[in-house]
Structures are given as C-alpha cells and as structure tokens.
Amino acid sequence: PDREDPRTLNFEVVGKIGGKFLIYKNARDDHFFSVYDSEMKL
C-alpha cells in the first residue's frame, strides 16, 4: 500500500508496458504514473 495515496484515489490499470506494469493514479489535482516490476514492487 502506498501511504501517500488518499482514500479518494482514482486509478486505472494501463497495462504491461516494456515488461513493467503501469498504473495511472489521480487524487484531486495530482496525476501520477506508478511503475511496478514483476513482483509488484514500486
């Protein structure tokens, strides 16, 4: 769990890109792309 992600987080699993897993996150006016490896480590 990312402790910086608020309860009001919006997200979308983008997909597997270049062997990594890309997830878009949006909370209020902040927009991020989180990248995870094959073991789901950020």
All heavy atoms as atom14 arrays in JSON, in Angstrom:
{
  "sequence": "PDREDPRTLNFEVVGKIGGKFLIYKNARDDHFFSVYDSEMKL",
  "atom14_mask": [
    [1, 1, 1, 1, 1, 1, 1, 0, 0, 0, 0, 0, 0, 0],
    [1, 1, 1, 1, 1, 1, 1, 1, 0, 0, 0, 0, 0, 0],
    [1, 1, 1, 1, 1, 1, 1, 1, 1, 1, 1, 0, 0, 0],
    [1, 1, 1, 1, 1, 1, 1, 1, 1, 0, 0, 0, 0, 0],
    [1, 1, 1, 1, 1, 1, 1, 1, 0, 0, 0, 0, 0, 0],
    [1, 1, 1, 1, 1, 1, 1, 0, 0, 0, 0, 0, 0, 0],
    [1, 1, 1, 1, 1, 1, 1, 1, 1, 1, 1, 0, 0, 0],
    [1, 1, 1, 1, 1, 1, 1, 0, 0, 0, 0, 0, 0, 0],
    [1, 1, 1, 1, 1, 1, 1, 1, 0, 0, 0, 0, 0, 0],
    [1, 1, 1, 1, 1, 1, 1, 1, 0, 0, 0, 0, 0, 0],
    [1, 1, 1, 1, 1, 1, 1, 1, 1, 1, 1, 0, 0, 0],
    [1, 1, 1, 1, 1, 1, 1, 1, 1, 0, 0, 0, 0, 0],
    [1, 1, 1, 1, 1, 1, 1, 0, 0, 0, 0, 0, 0, 0],
    [1, 1, 1, 1, 1, 1, 1, 0, 0, 0, 0, 0, 0, 0],
    [1, 1, 1, 1, 0, 0, 0, 0, 0, 0, 0, 0, 0, 0],
    [1, 1, 1, 1, 1, 1, 1, 1, 1, 0, 0, 0, 0, 0],
    [1, 1, 1, 1, 1, 1, 1, 1, 0, 0, 0, 0, 0, 0],
    [1, 1, 1, 1, 0, 0, 0, 0, 0, 0, 0, 0, 0, 0],
    [1, 1, 1, 1, 0, 0, 0, 0, 0, 0, 0, 0, 0, 0],
    [1, 1, 1, 1, 1, 1, 1, 1, 1, 0, 0, 0, 0, 0],
    [1, 1, 1, 1, 1, 1, 1, 1, 1, 1, 1, 0, 0, 0],
    [1, 1, 1, 1, 1, 1, 1, 1, 0, 0, 0, 0, 0, 0],
    [1, 1, 1, 1, 1, 1, 1, 1, 0, 0, 0, 0, 0, 0],
    [1, 1, 1, 1, 1, 1, 1, 1, 1, 1, 1, 1, 0, 0],
    [1, 1, 1, 1, 1, 1, 1, 1, 1, 0, 0, 0, 0, 0],
    [1, 1, 1, 1, 1, 1, 1, 1, 0, 0, 0, 0, 0, 0],
    [1, 1, 1, 1, 1, 0, 0, 0, 0, 0, 0, 0, 0, 0],
    [1, 1, 1, 1, 1, 1, 1, 1, 1, 1, 1, 0, 0, 0],
    [1, 1, 1, 1, 1, 1, 1, 1, 0, 0, 0, 0, 0, 0],
    [1, 1, 1, 1, 1, 1, 1, 1, 0, 0, 0, 0, 0, 0],
    [1, 1, 1, 1, 1, 1, 1, 1, 1, 1, 0, 0, 0, 0],
    [1, 1, 1, 1, 1, 1, 1, 1, 1, 1, 1, 0, 0, 0],
    [1, 1, 1, 1, 1, 1, 1, 1, 1, 1, 1, 0, 0, 0],
    [1, 1, 1, 1, 1, 1, 0, 0, 0, 0, 0, 0, 0, 0],
    [1, 1, 1, 1, 1, 1, 1, 0, 0, 0, 0, 0, 0, 0],
    [1, 1, 1, 1, 1, 1, 1, 1, 1, 1, 1, 1, 0, 0],
    [1, 1, 1, 1, 1, 1, 1, 1, 0, 0, 0, 0, 0, 0],
    [1, 1, 1, 1, 1, 1, 0, 0, 0, 0, 0, 0, 0, 0],
    [1, 1, 1, 1, 1, 1, 1, 1, 1, 0, 0, 0, 0, 0],
    [1, 1, 1, 1, 1, 1, 1, 1, 0, 0, 0, 0, 0, 0],
    [1, 1, 1, 1, 1, 1, 1, 1, 1, 0, 0, 0, 0, 0],
    [1, 1, 1, 1, 1, 1, 1, 1, 0, 0, 0, 0, 0, 0]
  ],
  "atom14_positions": [
    [[0.84, -1.21, 0.0], [0.0, 0.0, 0.0], [0.87, 1.25, 0.0], [1.86, 1.33, 0.73], [-0.8, -0.12, 1.3], [-0.74, -1.58, 1.66], [0.58, -2.07, 1.17], [0.0, 0.0, 0.0], [0.0, 0.0, 0.0], [0.0, 0.0, 0.0], [0.0, 0.0, 0.0], [0.0, 0.0, 0.0], [0.0, 0.0, 0.0], [0.0, 0.0, 0.0]],
    [[0.52, 2.19, -0.86], [1.24, 3.47, -0.91], [0.57, 4.41, 0.08], [-0.56, 4.86, -0.13], [1.19, 4.04, -2.33], [2.11, 5.25, -2.51], [2.42, 5.89, -1.49], [2.49, 5.53, -3.66], [0.0, 0.0, 0.0], [0.0, 0.0, 0.0], [0.0, 0.0, 0.0], [0.0, 0.0, 0.0], [0.0, 0.0, 0.0], [0.0, 0.0, 0.0]],
    [[1.26, 4.71, 1.16], [0.68, 5.53, 2.22], [0.39, 6.94, 1.75], [-0.34, 7.69, 2.41], [1.63, 5.56, 3.43], [2.01, 4.18, 3.95], [0.81, 3.43, 4.51], [1.15, 2.07, 4.94], [0.3, 1.23, 5.5], [-0.95, 1.6, 5.7], [0.69, 0.01, 5.84], [0.0, 0.0, 0.0], [0.0, 0.0, 0.0], [0.0, 0.0, 0.0]],
    [[0.96, 7.34, 0.61], [0.71, 8.68, 0.08], [-0.57, 8.73, -0.76], [-1.01, 9.81, -1.13], [1.9, 9.14, -0.76], [3.19, 9.3, 0.04], [4.33, 9.76, -0.83], [4.13, 9.89, -2.06], [5.43, 9.98, -0.3], [0.0, 0.0, 0.0], [0.0, 0.0, 0.0], [0.0, 0.0, 0.0], [0.0, 0.0, 0.0], [0.0, 0.0, 0.0]],
    [[-1.12, 7.57, -1.07], [-2.36, 7.53, -1.84], [-3.55, 7.76, -0.92], [-3.75, 7.0, 0.03], [-2.52, 6.18, -2.55], [-1.54, 6.0, -3.69], [-0.97, 7.01, -4.14], [-1.35, 4.86, -4.14], [0.0, 0.0, 0.0], [0.0, 0.0, 0.0], [0.0, 0.0, 0.0], [0.0, 0.0, 0.0], [0.0, 0.0, 0.0], [0.0, 0.0, 0.0]],
    [[-4.36, 8.79, -1.15], [-5.5, 9.05, -0.27], [-6.64, 8.07, -0.56], [-6.64, 7.35, -1.56], [-5.9, 10.48, -0.66], [-5.48, 10.61, -2.08], [-4.22, 9.79, -2.22], [0.0, 0.0, 0.0], [0.0, 0.0, 0.0], [0.0, 0.0, 0.0], [0.0, 0.0, 0.0], [0.0, 0.0, 0.0], [0.0, 0.0, 0.0], [0.0, 0.0, 0.0]],
    [[-7.62, 8.09, 0.33], [-8.78, 7.22, 0.14], [-9.61, 7.62, -1.08], [-10.36, 6.81, -1.61], [-9.66, 7.26, 1.4], [-9.0, 6.68, 2.64], [-9.89, 6.84, 3.87], [-9.23, 6.31, 5.06], [-9.36, 5.06, 5.5], [-10.12, 4.22, 4.82], [-8.76, 4.64, 6.59], [0.0, 0.0, 0.0], [0.0, 0.0, 0.0], [0.0, 0.0, 0.0]],
    [[-9.46, 8.85, -1.5], [-10.23, 9.33, -2.66], [-9.51, 9.09, -3.98], [-9.82, 9.7, -4.99], [-10.5, 10.84, -2.51], [-9.25, 11.53, -2.34], [-11.39, 11.11, -1.3], [0.0, 0.0, 0.0], [0.0, 0.0, 0.0], [0.0, 0.0, 0.0], [0.0, 0.0, 0.0], [0.0, 0.0, 0.0], [0.0, 0.0, 0.0], [0.0, 0.0, 0.0]],
    [[-8.53, 8.17, -3.98], [-7.72, 7.92, -5.17], [-8.57, 7.39, -6.32], [-9.38, 6.48, -6.15], [-6.62, 6.91, -4.82], [-5.69, 6.5, -5.97], [-4.73, 7.64, -6.28], [-4.9, 5.24, -5.59], [0.0, 0.0, 0.0], [0.0, 0.0, 0.0], [0.0, 0.0, 0.0], [0.0, 0.0, 0.0], [0.0, 0.0, 0.0], [0.0, 0.0, 0.0]],
    [[-8.37, 7.97, -7.5], [-8.87, 7.39, -8.74], [-7.71, 6.73, -9.45], [-6.58, 7.22, -9.39], [-9.48, 8.47, -9.63], [-10.69, 9.13, -9.0], [-11.57, 8.46, -8.48], [-10.74, 10.46, -9.02], [0.0, 0.0, 0.0], [0.0, 0.0, 0.0], [0.0, 0.0, 0.0], [0.0, 0.0, 0.0], [0.0, 0.0, 0.0], [0.0, 0.0, 0.0]],
    [[-7.97, 5.64, -10.13], [-6.86, 4.92, -10.76], [-7.34, 4.2, -12.01], [-8.54, 4.0, -12.23], [-6.26, 3.9, -9.78], [-7.24, 2.83, -9.36], [-7.44, 1.69, -10.12], [-7.98, 2.99, -8.2], [-8.35, 0.73, -9.74], [-8.91, 2.03, -7.81], [-9.1, 0.9, -8.58], [0.0, 0.0, 0.0], [0.0, 0.0, 0.0], [0.0, 0.0, 0.0]],
    [[-6.38, 3.8, -12.82], [-6.65, 2.93, -13.97], [-5.41, 2.11, -14.26], [-4.3, 2.66, -14.34], [-7.05, 3.72, -15.21], [-7.39, 2.82, -16.38], [-8.16, 3.52, -17.48], [-8.66, 4.62, -17.24], [-8.28, 2.94, -18.58], [0.0, 0.0, 0.0], [0.0, 0.0, 0.0], [0.0, 0.0, 0.0], [0.0, 0.0, 0.0], [0.0, 0.0, 0.0]],
    [[-5.6, 0.8, -14.38], [-4.5, -0.08, -14.76], [-4.29, 0.09, -16.26], [-5.14, -0.29, -17.07], [-4.81, -1.54, -14.41], [-3.66, -2.45, -14.85], [-5.08, -1.7, -12.92], [0.0, 0.0, 0.0], [0.0, 0.0, 0.0], [0.0, 0.0, 0.0], [0.0, 0.0, 0.0], [0.0, 0.0, 0.0], [0.0, 0.0, 0.0], [0.0, 0.0, 0.0]],
    [[-3.16, 0.68, -16.64], [-2.89, 0.96, -18.05], [-2.52, -0.32, -18.78], [-3.0, -0.6, -19.87], [-1.77, 2.01, -18.19], [-1.47, 2.28, -19.65], [-2.18, 3.3, -17.48], [0.0, 0.0, 0.0], [0.0, 0.0, 0.0], [0.0, 0.0, 0.0], [0.0, 0.0, 0.0], [0.0, 0.0, 0.0], [0.0, 0.0, 0.0], [0.0, 0.0, 0.0]],
    [[-1.62, -1.12, -18.19], [-1.25, -2.38, -18.81], [0.21, -2.72, -18.56], [0.9, -2.09, -17.76], [0.0, 0.0, 0.0], [0.0, 0.0, 0.0], [0.0, 0.0, 0.0], [0.0, 0.0, 0.0], [0.0, 0.0, 0.0], [0.0, 0.0, 0.0], [0.0, 0.0, 0.0], [0.0, 0.0, 0.0], [0.0, 0.0, 0.0], [0.0, 0.0, 0.0]],
    [[0.65, -3.74, -19.27], [2.05, -4.19, -19.18], [2.83, -3.52, -20.31], [2.61, -3.79, -21.49], [2.12, -5.71, -19.31], [3.48, -6.31, -18.99], [3.41, -7.83, -18.99], [4.72, -8.45, -18.57], [4.63, -9.94, -18.53], [0.0, 0.0, 0.0], [0.0, 0.0, 0.0], [0.0, 0.0, 0.0], [0.0, 0.0, 0.0], [0.0, 0.0, 0.0]],
    [[3.74, -2.63, -19.92], [4.48, -1.81, -20.87], [5.98, -2.1, -20.69], [6.53, -1.85, -19.61], [4.23, -0.3, -20.67], [2.72, -0.01, -20.57], [4.88, 0.52, -21.77], [1.95, -0.29, -21.82], [0.0, 0.0, 0.0], [0.0, 0.0, 0.0], [0.0, 0.0, 0.0], [0.0, 0.0, 0.0], [0.0, 0.0, 0.0], [0.0, 0.0, 0.0]],
    [[6.63, -2.65, -21.71], [8.06, -2.93, -21.63], [8.42, -3.83, -20.46], [9.47, -3.65, -19.83], [0.0, 0.0, 0.0], [0.0, 0.0, 0.0], [0.0, 0.0, 0.0], [0.0, 0.0, 0.0], [0.0, 0.0, 0.0], [0.0, 0.0, 0.0], [0.0, 0.0, 0.0], [0.0, 0.0, 0.0], [0.0, 0.0, 0.0], [0.0, 0.0, 0.0]],
    [[7.56, -4.78, -20.13], [7.82, -5.7, -19.03], [7.47, -5.14, -17.67], [7.56, -5.84, -16.66], [0.0, 0.0, 0.0], [0.0, 0.0, 0.0], [0.0, 0.0, 0.0], [0.0, 0.0, 0.0], [0.0, 0.0, 0.0], [0.0, 0.0, 0.0], [0.0, 0.0, 0.0], [0.0, 0.0, 0.0], [0.0, 0.0, 0.0], [0.0, 0.0, 0.0]],
    [[7.06, -3.87, -17.59], [6.65, -3.25, -16.33], [5.12, -3.06, -16.33], [4.49, -3.05, -17.39], [7.33, -1.87, -16.16], [8.85, -1.9, -16.25], [9.47, -2.53, -15.03], [10.98, -2.45, -15.08], [11.5, -1.06, -15.01], [0.0, 0.0, 0.0], [0.0, 0.0, 0.0], [0.0, 0.0, 0.0], [0.0, 0.0, 0.0], [0.0, 0.0, 0.0]],
    [[4.57, -2.9, -15.15], [3.13, -2.67, -15.02], [2.9, -1.21, -14.68], [3.4, -0.7, -13.67], [2.54, -3.59, -13.95], [2.69, -5.05, -14.29], [3.73, -5.78, -13.73], [1.84, -5.67, -15.18], [3.9, -7.12, -14.05], [2.01, -7.01, -15.51], [3.04, -7.74, -14.94], [0.0, 0.0, 0.0], [0.0, 0.0, 0.0], [0.0, 0.0, 0.0]],
    [[2.13, -0.54, -15.54], [1.91, 0.9, -15.43], [0.5, 1.16, -14.93], [-0.48, 0.64, -15.49], [2.13, 1.56, -16.79], [2.21, 3.09, -16.84], [3.44, 3.57, -16.08], [2.27, 3.56, -18.29], [0.0, 0.0, 0.0], [0.0, 0.0, 0.0], [0.0, 0.0, 0.0], [0.0, 0.0, 0.0], [0.0, 0.0, 0.0], [0.0, 0.0, 0.0]],
    [[0.4, 1.98, -13.88], [-0.89, 2.31, -13.29], [-0.98, 3.83, -13.13], [-0.08, 4.46, -12.56], [-1.08, 1.62, -11.93], [-1.11, 0.09, -12.14], [-2.37, 2.08, -11.26], [-1.14, -0.71, -10.86], [0.0, 0.0, 0.0], [0.0, 0.0, 0.0], [0.0, 0.0, 0.0], [0.0, 0.0, 0.0], [0.0, 0.0, 0.0], [0.0, 0.0, 0.0]],
    [[-2.05, 4.38, -13.66], [-2.31, 5.82, -13.57], [-3.1, 6.09, -12.29], [-4.05, 5.37, -11.96], [-3.1, 6.29, -14.79], [-3.77, 7.63, -14.64], [-3.05, 8.82, -14.72], [-5.15, 7.71, -14.42], [-3.68, 10.04, -14.59], [-5.79, 8.93, -14.3], [-5.05, 10.09, -14.38], [-5.68, 11.31, -14.25], [0.0, 0.0, 0.0], [0.0, 0.0, 0.0]],
    [[-2.69, 7.13, -11.55], [-3.37, 7.5, -10.31], [-3.66, 8.99, -10.33], [-2.86, 9.78, -10.79], [-2.5, 7.16, -9.1], [-2.17, 5.68, -8.96], [-1.28, 5.41, -7.76], [-0.94, 3.93, -7.64], [-0.05, 3.66, -6.47], [0.0, 0.0, 0.0], [0.0, 0.0, 0.0], [0.0, 0.0, 0.0], [0.0, 0.0, 0.0], [0.0, 0.0, 0.0]],
    [[-4.82, 9.31, -9.8], [-5.25, 10.72, -9.74], [-5.96, 10.96, -8.42], [-6.89, 10.22, -8.07], [-6.17, 11.04, -10.92], [-7.01, 12.28, -10.69], [-8.23, 12.21, -10.74], [-6.37, 13.39, -10.41], [0.0, 0.0, 0.0], [0.0, 0.0, 0.0], [0.0, 0.0, 0.0], [0.0, 0.0, 0.0], [0.0, 0.0, 0.0], [0.0, 0.0, 0.0]],
    [[-5.51, 11.96, -7.7], [-6.18, 12.39, -6.47], [-6.24, 13.91, -6.49], [-5.2, 14.58, -6.55], [-5.42, 11.9, -5.24], [0.0, 0.0, 0.0], [0.0, 0.0, 0.0], [0.0, 0.0, 0.0], [0.0, 0.0, 0.0], [0.0, 0.0, 0.0], [0.0, 0.0, 0.0], [0.0, 0.0, 0.0], [0.0, 0.0, 0.0], [0.0, 0.0, 0.0]],
    [[-7.46, 14.42, -6.5], [-7.67, 15.86, -6.62], [-6.98, 16.37, -7.9], [-7.32, 15.94, -8.99], [-7.19, 16.58, -5.36], [-8.02, 16.18, -4.12], [-7.51, 16.88, -2.88], [-6.2, 16.43, -2.49], [-5.97, 15.35, -1.74], [-6.97, 14.63, -1.31], [-4.74, 15.0, -1.41], [0.0, 0.0, 0.0], [0.0, 0.0, 0.0], [0.0, 0.0, 0.0]],
    [[-6.01, 17.24, -7.8], [-5.35, 17.77, -9.0], [-3.97, 17.16, -9.22], [-3.19, 17.67, -10.03], [-5.21, 19.3, -8.89], [-6.57, 19.99, -8.92], [-7.47, 19.47, -9.58], [-6.71, 21.05, -8.27], [0.0, 0.0, 0.0], [0.0, 0.0, 0.0], [0.0, 0.0, 0.0], [0.0, 0.0, 0.0], [0.0, 0.0, 0.0], [0.0, 0.0, 0.0]],
    [[-3.64, 16.09, -8.51], [-2.35, 15.42, -8.68], [-2.52, 14.19, -9.56], [-3.41, 13.36, -9.33], [-1.78, 15.01, -7.32], [-1.41, 16.22, -6.47], [-1.0, 17.24, -7.06], [-1.53, 16.14, -5.24], [0.0, 0.0, 0.0], [0.0, 0.0, 0.0], [0.0, 0.0, 0.0], [0.0, 0.0, 0.0], [0.0, 0.0, 0.0], [0.0, 0.0, 0.0]],
    [[-1.66, 14.08, -10.56], [-1.71, 12.97, -11.51], [-0.34, 12.3, -11.54], [0.68, 12.97, -11.75], [-2.1, 13.46, -12.9], [-3.4, 14.22, -12.92], [-4.58, 13.64, -13.29], [-3.7, 15.53, -12.62], [-5.56, 14.54, -13.22], [-5.05, 15.69, -12.81], [0.0, 0.0, 0.0], [0.0, 0.0, 0.0], [0.0, 0.0, 0.0], [0.0, 0.0, 0.0]],
    [[-0.32, 10.96, -11.36], [0.93, 10.22, -11.31], [0.83, 8.96, -12.15], [-0.25, 8.43, -12.4], [1.27, 9.81, -9.86], [1.6, 10.96, -8.95], [0.61, 11.61, -8.24], [2.91, 11.38, -8.81], [0.9, 12.67, -7.4], [3.22, 12.44, -7.97], [2.22, 13.08, -7.26], [0.0, 0.0, 0.0], [0.0, 0.0, 0.0], [0.0, 0.0, 0.0]],
    [[2.02, 8.47, -12.55], [2.14, 7.14, -13.13], [3.03, 6.32, -12.2], [4.18, 6.67, -11.96], [2.74, 7.2, -14.54], [1.79, 7.77, -15.55], [1.88, 9.11, -15.93], [0.8, 6.99, -16.11], [1.0, 9.64, -16.85], [-0.08, 7.52, -17.03], [0.02, 8.84, -17.41], [0.0, 0.0, 0.0], [0.0, 0.0, 0.0], [0.0, 0.0, 0.0]],
    [[2.47, 5.23, -11.67], [3.23, 4.34, -10.81], [3.67, 3.13, -11.63], [2.88, 2.56, -12.39], [2.38, 3.87, -9.62], [2.11, 4.96, -8.75], [0.0, 0.0, 0.0], [0.0, 0.0, 0.0], [0.0, 0.0, 0.0], [0.0, 0.0, 0.0], [0.0, 0.0, 0.0], [0.0, 0.0, 0.0], [0.0, 0.0, 0.0], [0.0, 0.0, 0.0]],
    [[4.94, 2.75, -11.46], [5.53, 1.67, -12.23], [5.88, 0.53, -11.26], [6.54, 0.76, -10.23], [6.8, 2.14, -12.97], [7.39, 1.0, -13.8], [6.48, 3.34, -13.86], [0.0, 0.0, 0.0], [0.0, 0.0, 0.0], [0.0, 0.0, 0.0], [0.0, 0.0, 0.0], [0.0, 0.0, 0.0], [0.0, 0.0, 0.0], [0.0, 0.0, 0.0]],
    [[5.45, -0.68, -11.59], [5.7, -1.85, -10.76], [6.47, -2.91, -11.56], [6.25, -3.06, -12.78], [4.39, -2.45, -10.26], [3.6, -1.51, -9.38], [2.72, -0.59, -9.93], [3.73, -1.54, -8.0], [1.99, 0.29, -9.13], [3.0, -0.68, -7.19], [2.13, 0.23, -7.76], [1.41, 1.1, -6.98], [0.0, 0.0, 0.0], [0.0, 0.0, 0.0]],
    [[7.33, -3.65, -10.86], [8.06, -4.72, -11.54], [7.26, -6.02, -11.49], [6.08, -6.03, -11.06], [9.45, -4.9, -10.92], [9.42, -5.33, -9.46], [8.35, -5.77, -8.99], [10.46, -5.23, -8.79], [0.0, 0.0, 0.0], [0.0, 0.0, 0.0], [0.0, 0.0, 0.0], [0.0, 0.0, 0.0], [0.0, 0.0, 0.0], [0.0, 0.0, 0.0]],
    [[7.87, -7.13, -11.9], [7.16, -8.41, -12.0], [6.71, -8.93, -10.64], [5.82, -9.78, -10.56], [8.04, -9.44, -12.69], [9.24, -9.64, -11.96], [0.0, 0.0, 0.0], [0.0, 0.0, 0.0], [0.0, 0.0, 0.0], [0.0, 0.0, 0.0], [0.0, 0.0, 0.0], [0.0, 0.0, 0.0], [0.0, 0.0, 0.0], [0.0, 0.0, 0.0]],
    [[7.33, -8.44, -9.56], [6.93, -8.84, -8.21], [6.05, -7.79, -7.55], [5.84, -7.81, -6.34], [8.18, -9.09, -7.36], [9.04, -10.24, -7.86], [8.27, -11.55, -7.92], [7.55, -11.84, -6.94], [8.38, -12.27, -8.93], [0.0, 0.0, 0.0], [0.0, 0.0, 0.0], [0.0, 0.0, 0.0], [0.0, 0.0, 0.0], [0.0, 0.0, 0.0]],
    [[5.55, -6.85, -8.35], [4.67, -5.77, -7.91], [5.34, -4.86, -6.88], [4.7, -4.31, -5.99], [3.35, -6.32, -7.37], [2.51, -7.03, -8.42], [2.19, -6.01, -9.9], [1.14, -4.73, -9.25], [0.0, 0.0, 0.0], [0.0, 0.0, 0.0], [0.0, 0.0, 0.0], [0.0, 0.0, 0.0], [0.0, 0.0, 0.0], [0.0, 0.0, 0.0]],
    [[6.66, -4.7, -7.02], [7.39, -3.72, -6.22], [7.39, -2.39, -6.98], [7.65, -2.35, -8.18], [8.82, -4.18, -5.97], [8.94, -5.5, -5.24], [8.34, -5.43, -3.83], [8.52, -6.74, -3.08], [7.85, -6.71, -1.74], [0.0, 0.0, 0.0], [0.0, 0.0, 0.0], [0.0, 0.0, 0.0], [0.0, 0.0, 0.0], [0.0, 0.0, 0.0]],
    [[7.09, -1.31, -6.25], [7.05, 0.01, -6.86], [8.47, 0.44, -7.22], [9.33, 0.56, -6.34], [6.41, 1.01, -5.9], [6.25, 2.44, -6.41], [5.26, 2.5, -7.57], [5.79, 3.37, -5.27], [0.0, 0.0, 0.0], [0.0, 0.0, 0.0], [0.0, 0.0, 0.0], [0.0, 0.0, 0.0], [0.0, 0.0, 0.0], [0.0, 0.0, 0.0]]
  ]
}
